[in-house]
Amino acid sequence: MRQIQTNYIIKKSYPQAHITSFDKQEGASTNSTTGIRRVDSDIVDNEASDAGINKQEVHKEALKEVLKEDIVSATKTREAVKKLMEVSPRSLFTTKAVFPFQFFPDSLSIEETRVNIITKQFFYTQHLTAIGIENIIDVSVQTSIVFATLHITSRMYVQNVVEPFEINFLKKRDAIKARNIIEGLRIMTAKSIDTTKIAVNELINEVEELGRANGLAA
């Protein structure tokens, strides 16, 4: 519940009124079920009577104050949402298993702050797993002549919660690229490097090069 002071409203609108009590909290409350805001009529009426002021005028002033506060609050909320959208994770690399070696190909999406693994079991049926970069403790690639398997181990595995994640039948080059990007992001995250100020293409090149220096060459 958010509150305002009726005596403050009266004092602000009618400076000639003599009000000595400025610690009485009241005013605007929000119905938790409907979300409809209202002004506490009894307290407003009491304050108005004590000050010798027309009750209707006080109600109008109280409502104006409530509306002003609501507009300011809504504006701040919109601005906060806009900022969150502006800093939302950017996609750096995507790949998927090769069909028909995997009839329902799994896919991998790497963003600045997380890795998304989409596992498909059947038509229109899939399972999405998102792993935060800070929670990845190891990433490796097992290669064959043509294909490769990407292994991702998270902290949850160390805690015996989940098994390491595997994506099979990836193109060898894609698997190594994915591994290097994830490893590069792990290193940057560990060093608390802010990647949001780096252009996407530049970031991809930097994290891949960093990961390559600490792992596999494509």
N, C-alpha and C. Protein backbone atom coordinates (compact mmCIF):
# COMPACT_ATOMS: atom_id res chain seq x y z
N MET A 1 0.85 -1.20 0.00
CA MET A 1 0.00 0.00 0.00
C MET A 1 0.88 1.25 0.00
N ARG A 2 0.55 2.19 -0.84
CA ARG A 2 1.29 3.45 -0.88
C ARG A 2 0.41 4.54 -0.28
N GLN A 3 0.96 5.37 0.57
CA GLN A 3 0.16 6.35 1.28
C GLN A 3 0.66 7.77 1.03
N ILE A 4 -0.26 8.72 1.17
CA ILE A 4 0.09 10.13 1.11
C ILE A 4 -0.52 10.82 2.32
N GLN A 5 -0.17 12.05 2.57
CA GLN A 5 -0.67 12.79 3.72
C GLN A 5 -1.75 13.78 3.29
N THR A 6 -2.95 13.54 3.83
CA THR A 6 -4.04 14.46 3.51
C THR A 6 -3.77 15.85 4.09
N ASN A 7 -3.22 15.88 5.31
CA ASN A 7 -2.96 17.19 5.89
C ASN A 7 -1.95 17.97 5.07
N TYR A 8 -1.04 17.25 4.40
CA TYR A 8 -0.09 17.92 3.51
C TYR A 8 -0.82 18.51 2.31
N ILE A 9 -1.80 17.75 1.78
CA ILE A 9 -2.58 18.22 0.62
C ILE A 9 -3.36 19.48 1.00
N ILE A 10 -3.96 19.44 2.17
CA ILE A 10 -4.73 20.60 2.61
C ILE A 10 -3.80 21.80 2.81
N LYS A 11 -2.68 21.57 3.44
CA LYS A 11 -1.74 22.67 3.70
C LYS A 11 -1.21 23.25 2.41
N LYS A 12 -0.96 22.36 1.43
CA LYS A 12 -0.41 22.80 0.15
C LYS A 12 -1.43 23.63 -0.63
N SER A 13 -2.69 23.20 -0.59
CA SER A 13 -3.72 23.87 -1.38
C SER A 13 -4.35 25.04 -0.65
N TYR A 14 -4.35 24.96 0.69
CA TYR A 14 -4.98 26.01 1.47
C TYR A 14 -4.03 26.46 2.58
N PRO A 15 -3.05 27.29 2.22
CA PRO A 15 -2.04 27.71 3.20
C PRO A 15 -2.63 28.47 4.39
N GLN A 16 -3.88 28.97 4.23
CA GLN A 16 -4.47 29.72 5.34
C GLN A 16 -4.95 28.79 6.44
N ALA A 17 -5.04 27.47 6.15
CA ALA A 17 -5.53 26.51 7.14
C ALA A 17 -4.46 26.27 8.20
N HIS A 18 -4.90 26.16 9.47
CA HIS A 18 -3.96 25.92 10.56
C HIS A 18 -3.98 24.45 10.93
N ILE A 19 -2.97 23.72 10.49
CA ILE A 19 -2.90 22.29 10.76
C ILE A 19 -1.62 22.04 11.54
N THR A 20 -1.76 21.44 12.70
CA THR A 20 -0.59 21.20 13.54
C THR A 20 -0.10 19.76 13.47
N SER A 21 -0.98 18.84 13.04
CA SER A 21 -0.60 17.42 12.98
C SER A 21 -0.13 17.05 11.58
N PHE A 22 1.17 16.80 11.44
CA PHE A 22 1.72 16.44 10.13
C PHE A 22 2.24 15.00 10.08
N ASP A 23 1.94 14.22 11.11
CA ASP A 23 2.46 12.86 11.15
C ASP A 23 1.38 11.81 10.88
N LYS A 24 0.16 12.27 10.57
CA LYS A 24 -0.95 11.34 10.33
C LYS A 24 -0.90 10.82 8.89
N GLN A 25 -0.64 9.52 8.72
CA GLN A 25 -0.52 8.92 7.37
C GLN A 25 -1.89 8.42 6.90
N GLU A 26 -2.19 8.65 5.68
CA GLU A 26 -3.46 8.18 5.09
C GLU A 26 -3.42 8.33 3.60
N GLY A 27 -4.60 8.24 3.02
CA GLY A 27 -4.82 8.76 1.68
C GLY A 27 -5.10 7.76 0.62
N ALA A 28 -4.05 7.37 -0.15
CA ALA A 28 -4.26 6.56 -1.34
C ALA A 28 -3.92 5.12 -1.04
N SER A 29 -4.87 4.24 -1.22
CA SER A 29 -4.61 2.82 -1.04
C SER A 29 -5.02 2.08 -2.30
N THR A 30 -4.45 0.89 -2.49
CA THR A 30 -4.73 0.10 -3.69
C THR A 30 -5.38 -1.21 -3.28
N ASN A 31 -6.50 -1.53 -3.89
CA ASN A 31 -7.16 -2.81 -3.65
C ASN A 31 -6.30 -3.92 -4.22
N SER A 32 -5.87 -4.87 -3.37
CA SER A 32 -4.95 -5.92 -3.82
C SER A 32 -5.58 -6.84 -4.86
N THR A 33 -6.90 -6.90 -4.90
CA THR A 33 -7.57 -7.78 -5.86
C THR A 33 -7.85 -7.09 -7.18
N THR A 34 -8.40 -5.87 -7.12
CA THR A 34 -8.81 -5.17 -8.34
C THR A 34 -7.75 -4.23 -8.87
N GLY A 35 -6.84 -3.79 -7.99
CA GLY A 35 -5.82 -2.83 -8.40
C GLY A 35 -6.37 -1.42 -8.50
N ILE A 36 -7.64 -1.21 -8.07
CA ILE A 36 -8.26 0.11 -8.14
C ILE A 36 -7.81 0.96 -6.96
N ARG A 37 -7.40 2.18 -7.26
CA ARG A 37 -6.93 3.07 -6.21
C ARG A 37 -8.07 3.94 -5.70
N ARG A 38 -8.00 4.26 -4.42
CA ARG A 38 -9.06 5.05 -3.81
C ARG A 38 -8.45 5.99 -2.78
N VAL A 39 -9.20 7.01 -2.42
CA VAL A 39 -8.79 7.93 -1.37
C VAL A 39 -9.62 7.65 -0.14
N ASP A 40 -8.99 7.57 1.02
CA ASP A 40 -9.68 7.27 2.27
C ASP A 40 -10.57 8.46 2.63
N SER A 41 -11.88 8.32 2.37
CA SER A 41 -12.81 9.44 2.53
C SER A 41 -12.93 9.90 3.98
N ASP A 42 -12.96 8.94 4.91
CA ASP A 42 -13.16 9.31 6.32
C ASP A 42 -12.04 10.20 6.82
N ILE A 43 -10.80 9.82 6.52
CA ILE A 43 -9.68 10.59 7.02
C ILE A 43 -9.60 11.94 6.33
N VAL A 44 -9.87 11.95 5.00
CA VAL A 44 -9.89 13.22 4.28
C VAL A 44 -10.95 14.14 4.85
N ASP A 45 -12.14 13.59 5.12
CA ASP A 45 -13.23 14.40 5.67
C ASP A 45 -12.86 14.95 7.04
N ASN A 46 -12.24 14.12 7.86
CA ASN A 46 -11.86 14.57 9.19
C ASN A 46 -10.83 15.70 9.12
N GLU A 47 -9.85 15.53 8.24
CA GLU A 47 -8.84 16.57 8.10
C GLU A 47 -9.45 17.86 7.58
N ALA A 48 -10.37 17.73 6.62
CA ALA A 48 -11.02 18.92 6.05
C ALA A 48 -11.87 19.64 7.10
N SER A 49 -12.60 18.84 7.91
CA SER A 49 -13.45 19.44 8.94
C SER A 49 -12.61 20.18 9.97
N ASP A 50 -11.50 19.55 10.34
CA ASP A 50 -10.62 20.19 11.33
C ASP A 50 -10.06 21.51 10.80
N ALA A 51 -9.83 21.57 9.51
CA ALA A 51 -9.25 22.78 8.92
C ALA A 51 -10.30 23.78 8.46
N GLY A 52 -11.59 23.37 8.54
CA GLY A 52 -12.66 24.27 8.13
C GLY A 52 -12.68 24.51 6.63
N ILE A 53 -12.44 23.47 5.84
CA ILE A 53 -12.37 23.58 4.39
C ILE A 53 -13.42 22.68 3.76
N ASN A 54 -13.92 23.08 2.58
CA ASN A 54 -14.92 22.30 1.85
C ASN A 54 -14.39 20.90 1.54
N LYS A 55 -15.15 19.88 1.92
CA LYS A 55 -14.71 18.50 1.76
C LYS A 55 -14.51 18.11 0.30
N GLN A 56 -15.40 18.55 -0.58
CA GLN A 56 -15.30 18.19 -1.99
C GLN A 56 -14.02 18.72 -2.61
N GLU A 57 -13.66 19.94 -2.22
CA GLU A 57 -12.43 20.53 -2.75
C GLU A 57 -11.20 19.73 -2.31
N VAL A 58 -11.24 19.28 -1.05
CA VAL A 58 -10.12 18.49 -0.54
C VAL A 58 -10.03 17.16 -1.28
N HIS A 59 -11.19 16.52 -1.53
CA HIS A 59 -11.22 15.26 -2.27
C HIS A 59 -10.60 15.44 -3.65
N LYS A 60 -10.94 16.54 -4.31
CA LYS A 60 -10.40 16.79 -5.65
C LYS A 60 -8.88 16.92 -5.59
N GLU A 61 -8.39 17.68 -4.60
CA GLU A 61 -6.95 17.87 -4.48
C GLU A 61 -6.25 16.56 -4.16
N ALA A 62 -6.89 15.74 -3.30
CA ALA A 62 -6.29 14.45 -2.94
C ALA A 62 -6.19 13.54 -4.15
N LEU A 63 -7.25 13.53 -4.95
CA LEU A 63 -7.25 12.70 -6.16
C LEU A 63 -6.20 13.16 -7.16
N LYS A 64 -6.03 14.48 -7.26
CA LYS A 64 -5.02 15.02 -8.17
C LYS A 64 -3.63 14.54 -7.76
N GLU A 65 -3.37 14.57 -6.43
CA GLU A 65 -2.07 14.12 -5.94
C GLU A 65 -1.85 12.64 -6.23
N VAL A 66 -2.92 11.85 -6.05
CA VAL A 66 -2.82 10.41 -6.32
C VAL A 66 -2.51 10.16 -7.78
N LEU A 67 -3.22 10.88 -8.66
CA LEU A 67 -3.00 10.71 -10.09
C LEU A 67 -1.59 11.11 -10.50
N LYS A 68 -1.09 12.20 -9.91
CA LYS A 68 0.28 12.63 -10.21
C LYS A 68 1.29 11.55 -9.85
N GLU A 69 1.11 10.98 -8.66
CA GLU A 69 2.03 9.95 -8.20
C GLU A 69 1.94 8.70 -9.08
N ASP A 70 0.72 8.35 -9.50
CA ASP A 70 0.53 7.18 -10.36
C ASP A 70 1.20 7.38 -11.71
N ILE A 71 1.09 8.59 -12.26
CA ILE A 71 1.70 8.88 -13.55
C ILE A 71 3.22 8.77 -13.45
N VAL A 72 3.77 9.35 -12.38
CA VAL A 72 5.22 9.28 -12.18
C VAL A 72 5.67 7.83 -12.03
N SER A 73 4.91 7.04 -11.25
CA SER A 73 5.26 5.64 -11.03
C SER A 73 5.20 4.84 -12.33
N ALA A 74 4.16 5.07 -13.14
CA ALA A 74 4.02 4.36 -14.41
C ALA A 74 5.14 4.72 -15.36
N THR A 75 5.53 5.99 -15.37
CA THR A 75 6.62 6.44 -16.24
C THR A 75 7.94 5.76 -15.84
N LYS A 76 8.21 5.70 -14.54
CA LYS A 76 9.43 5.04 -14.06
C LYS A 76 9.43 3.56 -14.42
N THR A 77 8.27 2.92 -14.35
CA THR A 77 8.17 1.49 -14.69
C THR A 77 8.47 1.27 -16.16
N ARG A 78 7.90 2.11 -17.03
CA ARG A 78 8.15 1.99 -18.47
C ARG A 78 9.63 2.19 -18.79
N GLU A 79 10.23 3.17 -18.13
CA GLU A 79 11.65 3.44 -18.37
C GLU A 79 12.51 2.26 -17.91
N ALA A 80 12.14 1.64 -16.78
CA ALA A 80 12.90 0.50 -16.28
C ALA A 80 12.80 -0.69 -17.23
N VAL A 81 11.58 -0.93 -17.76
CA VAL A 81 11.39 -2.02 -18.72
C VAL A 81 12.18 -1.76 -19.99
N LYS A 82 12.17 -0.51 -20.44
CA LYS A 82 12.91 -0.15 -21.66
C LYS A 82 14.40 -0.39 -21.48
N LYS A 83 14.94 -0.05 -20.30
CA LYS A 83 16.35 -0.26 -20.04
C LYS A 83 16.68 -1.74 -20.03
N LEU A 84 15.79 -2.56 -19.46
CA LEU A 84 16.01 -4.00 -19.43
C LEU A 84 16.03 -4.58 -20.84
N MET A 85 15.16 -4.07 -21.70
CA MET A 85 15.12 -4.54 -23.08
C MET A 85 16.39 -4.15 -23.83
N GLU A 86 16.90 -2.97 -23.50
CA GLU A 86 18.11 -2.50 -24.18
C GLU A 86 19.33 -3.34 -23.82
N VAL A 87 19.36 -3.89 -22.61
CA VAL A 87 20.51 -4.67 -22.18
C VAL A 87 20.24 -6.17 -22.20
N SER A 88 19.15 -6.58 -22.87
CA SER A 88 18.84 -8.00 -22.95
C SER A 88 19.95 -8.73 -23.70
N PRO A 89 20.23 -10.00 -23.32
CA PRO A 89 21.33 -10.75 -23.93
C PRO A 89 21.22 -10.82 -25.45
N ARG A 90 22.35 -10.68 -26.11
CA ARG A 90 22.40 -10.76 -27.57
C ARG A 90 22.86 -12.14 -28.01
N SER A 91 22.29 -12.61 -29.11
CA SER A 91 22.66 -13.92 -29.63
C SER A 91 24.01 -13.83 -30.34
N LEU A 92 24.92 -14.74 -29.99
CA LEU A 92 26.25 -14.74 -30.57
C LEU A 92 26.46 -15.86 -31.58
N PHE A 93 25.80 -17.00 -31.35
CA PHE A 93 26.02 -18.14 -32.24
C PHE A 93 24.91 -19.17 -32.04
N THR A 94 24.47 -19.76 -33.11
CA THR A 94 23.47 -20.84 -33.05
C THR A 94 23.90 -21.97 -33.97
N THR A 95 23.56 -23.19 -33.59
CA THR A 95 23.84 -24.35 -34.43
C THR A 95 22.88 -25.46 -34.02
N LYS A 96 22.81 -26.51 -34.82
CA LYS A 96 21.94 -27.64 -34.47
C LYS A 96 22.50 -28.93 -35.06
N ALA A 97 22.00 -30.03 -34.53
CA ALA A 97 22.45 -31.34 -34.97
C ALA A 97 22.06 -31.56 -36.43
N VAL A 98 22.78 -32.44 -37.08
CA VAL A 98 22.56 -32.69 -38.51
C VAL A 98 21.47 -33.74 -38.72
N PHE A 99 20.50 -33.40 -39.52
CA PHE A 99 19.44 -34.33 -39.95
C PHE A 99 19.96 -35.10 -41.16
N PRO A 100 19.70 -36.39 -41.32
CA PRO A 100 18.83 -37.27 -40.53
C PRO A 100 19.56 -38.08 -39.47
N PHE A 101 20.82 -37.76 -39.20
CA PHE A 101 21.55 -38.51 -38.17
C PHE A 101 20.90 -38.34 -36.81
N GLN A 102 20.25 -37.22 -36.64
CA GLN A 102 19.36 -37.02 -35.50
C GLN A 102 18.03 -36.59 -36.10
N PHE A 103 17.03 -37.47 -35.98
CA PHE A 103 15.78 -37.26 -36.70
C PHE A 103 15.06 -35.99 -36.24
N PHE A 104 15.14 -35.72 -34.93
CA PHE A 104 14.60 -34.46 -34.38
C PHE A 104 15.79 -33.69 -33.83
N PRO A 105 16.44 -32.87 -34.68
CA PRO A 105 17.71 -32.24 -34.30
C PRO A 105 17.62 -31.32 -33.08
N ASP A 106 18.54 -31.56 -32.14
CA ASP A 106 18.69 -30.64 -31.01
C ASP A 106 19.39 -29.38 -31.51
N SER A 107 19.21 -28.29 -30.81
CA SER A 107 19.84 -27.04 -31.23
C SER A 107 20.49 -26.34 -30.04
N LEU A 108 21.43 -25.48 -30.36
CA LEU A 108 22.20 -24.74 -29.36
C LEU A 108 22.21 -23.27 -29.72
N SER A 109 21.94 -22.42 -28.73
CA SER A 109 21.98 -20.98 -28.93
C SER A 109 22.83 -20.37 -27.82
N ILE A 110 23.85 -19.60 -28.23
CA ILE A 110 24.74 -18.98 -27.25
C ILE A 110 24.47 -17.48 -27.20
N GLU A 111 24.16 -16.99 -26.00
CA GLU A 111 23.96 -15.56 -25.78
C GLU A 111 25.06 -15.05 -24.86
N GLU A 112 25.07 -13.76 -24.62
CA GLU A 112 26.12 -13.16 -23.79
C GLU A 112 26.17 -13.75 -22.38
N THR A 113 25.01 -14.03 -21.83
CA THR A 113 24.96 -14.44 -20.42
C THR A 113 24.49 -15.87 -20.20
N ARG A 114 24.12 -16.57 -21.27
CA ARG A 114 23.62 -17.92 -21.08
C ARG A 114 23.72 -18.76 -22.35
N VAL A 115 23.60 -20.05 -22.15
CA VAL A 115 23.58 -21.00 -23.26
C VAL A 115 22.22 -21.70 -23.23
N ASN A 116 21.53 -21.70 -24.36
CA ASN A 116 20.22 -22.34 -24.46
C ASN A 116 20.34 -23.64 -25.26
N ILE A 117 19.87 -24.72 -24.68
CA ILE A 117 19.87 -26.02 -25.36
C ILE A 117 18.43 -26.45 -25.55
N ILE A 118 18.05 -26.67 -26.80
CA ILE A 118 16.69 -27.10 -27.12
C ILE A 118 16.74 -28.56 -27.58
N THR A 119 16.12 -29.42 -26.78
CA THR A 119 16.08 -30.85 -27.08
C THR A 119 14.70 -31.21 -27.59
N LYS A 120 14.65 -31.83 -28.75
CA LYS A 120 13.36 -32.21 -29.35
C LYS A 120 13.16 -33.72 -29.24
N GLN A 121 11.97 -34.11 -28.77
CA GLN A 121 11.64 -35.53 -28.67
C GLN A 121 10.72 -36.00 -29.79
N PHE A 122 9.87 -35.09 -30.26
CA PHE A 122 8.89 -35.45 -31.28
C PHE A 122 8.43 -34.16 -31.95
N PHE A 123 7.52 -34.30 -32.93
CA PHE A 123 6.98 -33.13 -33.60
C PHE A 123 6.34 -32.19 -32.59
N TYR A 124 6.69 -30.90 -32.65
CA TYR A 124 6.12 -29.86 -31.81
C TYR A 124 6.36 -30.10 -30.31
N THR A 125 7.27 -30.99 -29.98
CA THR A 125 7.59 -31.25 -28.58
C THR A 125 9.07 -30.99 -28.35
N GLN A 126 9.37 -30.09 -27.44
CA GLN A 126 10.76 -29.75 -27.19
C GLN A 126 10.95 -29.32 -25.74
N HIS A 127 12.19 -29.41 -25.30
CA HIS A 127 12.54 -29.03 -23.92
C HIS A 127 13.67 -28.02 -23.98
N LEU A 128 13.48 -26.88 -23.34
CA LEU A 128 14.49 -25.82 -23.34
C LEU A 128 15.22 -25.79 -22.00
N THR A 129 16.54 -25.83 -22.07
CA THR A 129 17.38 -25.70 -20.88
C THR A 129 18.28 -24.49 -21.05
N ALA A 130 18.24 -23.59 -20.10
CA ALA A 130 19.08 -22.39 -20.13
C ALA A 130 20.12 -22.49 -19.01
N ILE A 131 21.38 -22.33 -19.38
CA ILE A 131 22.47 -22.43 -18.40
C ILE A 131 23.20 -21.09 -18.38
N GLY A 132 23.27 -20.46 -17.24
CA GLY A 132 24.01 -19.21 -17.12
C GLY A 132 25.50 -19.44 -17.32
N ILE A 133 26.15 -18.53 -18.03
CA ILE A 133 27.59 -18.67 -18.29
C ILE A 133 28.36 -18.85 -16.99
N GLU A 134 27.95 -18.11 -15.94
CA GLU A 134 28.66 -18.20 -14.66
C GLU A 134 28.50 -19.56 -14.00
N ASN A 135 27.51 -20.36 -14.46
CA ASN A 135 27.28 -21.68 -13.87
C ASN A 135 27.95 -22.81 -14.66
N ILE A 136 28.59 -22.47 -15.76
CA ILE A 136 29.28 -23.49 -16.56
C ILE A 136 30.70 -23.64 -16.02
N ILE A 137 31.06 -24.85 -15.64
CA ILE A 137 32.40 -25.08 -15.09
C ILE A 137 33.31 -25.78 -16.09
N ASP A 138 32.73 -26.35 -17.16
CA ASP A 138 33.58 -26.98 -18.16
C ASP A 138 32.79 -27.13 -19.46
N VAL A 139 33.49 -26.96 -20.58
CA VAL A 139 32.90 -27.19 -21.90
C VAL A 139 33.95 -27.86 -22.77
N SER A 140 33.58 -28.95 -23.42
CA SER A 140 34.55 -29.71 -24.20
C SER A 140 33.88 -30.29 -25.45
N VAL A 141 34.71 -30.73 -26.37
CA VAL A 141 34.22 -31.28 -27.64
C VAL A 141 34.88 -32.63 -27.88
N GLN A 142 34.05 -33.59 -28.25
CA GLN A 142 34.54 -34.91 -28.66
C GLN A 142 34.31 -35.03 -30.16
N THR A 143 35.36 -35.17 -30.92
CA THR A 143 35.26 -35.13 -32.37
C THR A 143 35.47 -36.50 -33.02
N SER A 144 34.87 -36.64 -34.21
CA SER A 144 35.12 -37.79 -35.08
C SER A 144 35.55 -37.22 -36.43
N ILE A 145 35.50 -38.02 -37.47
CA ILE A 145 35.94 -37.55 -38.78
C ILE A 145 35.06 -36.41 -39.28
N VAL A 146 33.75 -36.54 -39.13
CA VAL A 146 32.81 -35.56 -39.67
C VAL A 146 32.08 -34.80 -38.58
N PHE A 147 31.57 -35.53 -37.58
CA PHE A 147 30.71 -34.92 -36.56
C PHE A 147 31.45 -34.74 -35.24
N ALA A 148 30.74 -34.08 -34.31
CA ALA A 148 31.31 -33.85 -32.99
C ALA A 148 30.19 -33.78 -31.96
N THR A 149 30.56 -34.03 -30.72
CA THR A 149 29.63 -33.92 -29.60
C THR A 149 30.13 -32.86 -28.64
N LEU A 150 29.23 -31.93 -28.29
CA LEU A 150 29.59 -30.86 -27.36
C LEU A 150 29.12 -31.25 -25.96
N HIS A 151 30.04 -31.19 -25.01
CA HIS A 151 29.73 -31.50 -23.61
C HIS A 151 29.79 -30.22 -22.77
N ILE A 152 28.72 -29.97 -22.03
CA ILE A 152 28.67 -28.80 -21.15
C ILE A 152 28.38 -29.27 -19.73
N THR A 153 29.27 -28.95 -18.81
CA THR A 153 29.09 -29.33 -17.41
C THR A 153 28.79 -28.08 -16.59
N SER A 154 27.71 -28.14 -15.83
CA SER A 154 27.33 -26.99 -15.00
C SER A 154 27.57 -27.30 -13.53
N ARG A 155 27.43 -26.28 -12.72
CA ARG A 155 27.60 -26.45 -11.27
C ARG A 155 26.56 -27.41 -10.70
N MET A 156 25.42 -27.51 -11.37
CA MET A 156 24.37 -28.41 -10.90
C MET A 156 24.83 -29.86 -10.95
N TYR A 157 25.72 -30.18 -11.89
CA TYR A 157 26.26 -31.54 -11.98
C TYR A 157 27.13 -31.83 -10.77
N VAL A 158 27.94 -30.87 -10.38
CA VAL A 158 28.80 -31.04 -9.20
C VAL A 158 27.95 -31.28 -7.96
N GLN A 159 26.77 -30.68 -7.93
CA GLN A 159 25.86 -30.84 -6.79
C GLN A 159 24.96 -32.06 -6.95
N ASN A 160 25.26 -32.89 -7.97
CA ASN A 160 24.50 -34.12 -8.23
C ASN A 160 23.02 -33.86 -8.52
N VAL A 161 22.76 -32.72 -9.18
CA VAL A 161 21.37 -32.39 -9.52
C VAL A 161 21.06 -32.82 -10.95
N VAL A 162 21.95 -32.55 -11.90
CA VAL A 162 21.72 -32.91 -13.30
C VAL A 162 22.99 -33.52 -13.88
N GLU A 163 22.82 -34.25 -14.97
CA GLU A 163 23.95 -34.81 -15.70
C GLU A 163 24.53 -33.74 -16.63
N PRO A 164 25.78 -33.91 -17.07
CA PRO A 164 26.33 -32.98 -18.07
C PRO A 164 25.48 -33.00 -19.33
N PHE A 165 25.39 -31.88 -19.99
CA PHE A 165 24.57 -31.76 -21.20
C PHE A 165 25.40 -32.16 -22.41
N GLU A 166 24.77 -32.86 -23.33
CA GLU A 166 25.43 -33.29 -24.56
C GLU A 166 24.58 -32.94 -25.76
N ILE A 167 25.24 -32.47 -26.80
CA ILE A 167 24.57 -32.25 -28.08
C ILE A 167 25.35 -33.04 -29.12
N ASN A 168 24.71 -34.05 -29.68
CA ASN A 168 25.39 -34.95 -30.61
C ASN A 168 25.16 -34.55 -32.06
N PHE A 169 25.99 -35.11 -32.93
CA PHE A 169 25.88 -34.94 -34.38
C PHE A 169 25.90 -33.48 -34.83
N LEU A 170 26.75 -32.71 -34.16
CA LEU A 170 26.99 -31.35 -34.63
C LEU A 170 28.08 -31.40 -35.69
N LYS A 171 28.05 -30.44 -36.60
CA LYS A 171 29.17 -30.33 -37.54
C LYS A 171 30.42 -30.03 -36.72
N LYS A 172 31.50 -30.66 -37.08
CA LYS A 172 32.73 -30.55 -36.30
C LYS A 172 33.15 -29.10 -36.11
N ARG A 173 33.12 -28.34 -37.20
CA ARG A 173 33.55 -26.95 -37.13
C ARG A 173 32.63 -26.13 -36.22
N ASP A 174 31.33 -26.38 -36.29
CA ASP A 174 30.37 -25.66 -35.45
C ASP A 174 30.56 -25.99 -33.97
N ALA A 175 30.81 -27.24 -33.68
CA ALA A 175 31.00 -27.66 -32.29
C ALA A 175 32.22 -26.98 -31.68
N ILE A 176 33.30 -26.93 -32.43
CA ILE A 176 34.53 -26.29 -31.92
C ILE A 176 34.32 -24.79 -31.76
N LYS A 177 33.63 -24.18 -32.70
CA LYS A 177 33.34 -22.73 -32.60
C LYS A 177 32.49 -22.45 -31.37
N ALA A 178 31.47 -23.27 -31.16
CA ALA A 178 30.59 -23.10 -30.00
C ALA A 178 31.37 -23.24 -28.70
N ARG A 179 32.24 -24.26 -28.67
CA ARG A 179 33.06 -24.48 -27.47
C ARG A 179 33.94 -23.28 -27.18
N ASN A 180 34.60 -22.74 -28.20
CA ASN A 180 35.50 -21.62 -28.01
C ASN A 180 34.77 -20.35 -27.56
N ILE A 181 33.58 -20.11 -28.12
CA ILE A 181 32.79 -18.94 -27.72
C ILE A 181 32.37 -19.06 -26.26
N ILE A 182 31.87 -20.23 -25.87
CA ILE A 182 31.45 -20.44 -24.49
C ILE A 182 32.63 -20.28 -23.53
N GLU A 183 33.78 -20.87 -23.91
CA GLU A 183 34.97 -20.76 -23.05
C GLU A 183 35.41 -19.31 -22.94
N GLY A 184 35.38 -18.57 -24.03
CA GLY A 184 35.74 -17.16 -23.99
C GLY A 184 34.81 -16.36 -23.10
N LEU A 185 33.51 -16.65 -23.16
CA LEU A 185 32.54 -15.98 -22.31
C LEU A 185 32.76 -16.34 -20.84
N ARG A 186 33.13 -17.58 -20.59
CA ARG A 186 33.42 -18.00 -19.21
C ARG A 186 34.58 -17.19 -18.63
N ILE A 187 35.60 -17.00 -19.44
CA ILE A 187 36.78 -16.26 -18.97
C ILE A 187 36.42 -14.79 -18.71
N MET A 188 35.67 -14.20 -19.64
CA MET A 188 35.26 -12.79 -19.45
C MET A 188 34.37 -12.62 -18.23
N THR A 189 33.46 -13.57 -18.03
CA THR A 189 32.57 -13.50 -16.88
C THR A 189 33.36 -13.63 -15.58
N ALA A 190 34.32 -14.54 -15.57
CA ALA A 190 35.14 -14.73 -14.37
C ALA A 190 35.94 -13.48 -14.03
N LYS A 191 36.30 -12.70 -15.05
CA LYS A 191 37.08 -11.48 -14.85
C LYS A 191 36.18 -10.25 -14.73
N SER A 192 34.85 -10.49 -14.70
CA SER A 192 33.85 -9.41 -14.54
C SER A 192 33.98 -8.35 -15.63
N ILE A 193 34.20 -8.79 -16.86
CA ILE A 193 34.29 -7.87 -18.00
C ILE A 193 32.89 -7.58 -18.53
N ASP A 194 32.55 -6.30 -18.66
CA ASP A 194 31.24 -5.90 -19.18
C ASP A 194 31.25 -6.01 -20.70
N THR A 195 30.47 -6.96 -21.23
CA THR A 195 30.43 -7.18 -22.68
C THR A 195 29.36 -6.36 -23.38
N THR A 196 28.49 -5.70 -22.61
CA THR A 196 27.36 -4.99 -23.22
C THR A 196 27.81 -3.80 -24.05
N LYS A 197 29.01 -3.29 -23.79
CA LYS A 197 29.49 -2.12 -24.51
C LYS A 197 30.30 -2.50 -25.76
N ILE A 198 30.42 -3.81 -26.03
CA ILE A 198 31.17 -4.28 -27.18
C ILE A 198 30.20 -4.66 -28.30
N ALA A 199 30.47 -4.21 -29.52
CA ALA A 199 29.61 -4.54 -30.66
C ALA A 199 29.56 -6.06 -30.83
N VAL A 200 28.43 -6.57 -31.32
CA VAL A 200 28.21 -8.01 -31.41
C VAL A 200 29.30 -8.71 -32.21
N ASN A 201 29.56 -8.24 -33.42
CA ASN A 201 30.57 -8.90 -34.27
C ASN A 201 31.94 -8.89 -33.61
N GLU A 202 32.28 -7.77 -33.01
CA GLU A 202 33.57 -7.66 -32.32
C GLU A 202 33.62 -8.59 -31.12
N LEU A 203 32.50 -8.69 -30.40
CA LEU A 203 32.44 -9.56 -29.23
C LEU A 203 32.61 -11.02 -29.63
N ILE A 204 31.94 -11.43 -30.71
CA ILE A 204 32.06 -12.81 -31.18
C ILE A 204 33.52 -13.14 -31.48
N ASN A 205 34.17 -12.25 -32.21
CA ASN A 205 35.58 -12.49 -32.57
C ASN A 205 36.47 -12.56 -31.33
N GLU A 206 36.22 -11.67 -30.37
CA GLU A 206 37.07 -11.62 -29.18
C GLU A 206 36.91 -12.85 -28.30
N VAL A 207 35.65 -13.26 -28.05
CA VAL A 207 35.45 -14.41 -27.16
C VAL A 207 35.90 -15.70 -27.85
N GLU A 208 35.70 -15.79 -29.17
CA GLU A 208 36.14 -16.99 -29.88
C GLU A 208 37.67 -17.09 -29.86
N GLU A 209 38.34 -15.97 -30.07
CA GLU A 209 39.79 -15.97 -30.04
C GLU A 209 40.31 -16.30 -28.63
N LEU A 210 39.63 -15.76 -27.64
CA LEU A 210 40.01 -16.02 -26.25
C LEU A 210 39.82 -17.50 -25.91
N GLY A 211 38.70 -18.05 -26.37
CA GLY A 211 38.43 -19.47 -26.12
C GLY A 211 39.39 -20.37 -26.88
N ARG A 212 39.74 -19.95 -28.09
CA ARG A 212 40.68 -20.73 -28.89
C ARG A 212 42.06 -20.76 -28.25
N ALA A 213 42.43 -19.66 -27.64
CA ALA A 213 43.74 -19.58 -26.97
C ALA A 213 43.78 -20.48 -25.74
N ASN A 214 42.59 -20.87 -25.25
CA ASN A 214 42.51 -21.74 -24.09
C ASN A 214 41.86 -23.08 -24.42
N GLY A 215 41.99 -23.49 -25.69
CA GLY A 215 41.37 -24.75 -26.06
C GLY A 215 41.69 -25.26 -27.42
N LEU A 216 40.66 -25.29 -28.29
CA LEU A 216 40.76 -25.95 -29.59
C LEU A 216 40.82 -24.95 -30.74
N ALA A 217 41.56 -25.31 -31.77
CA ALA A 217 41.57 -24.54 -33.01
C ALA A 217 40.62 -25.19 -33.98
N ALA A 218 39.81 -24.36 -34.65
CA ALA A 218 38.83 -24.90 -35.59
C ALA A 218 39.51 -25.43 -36.82
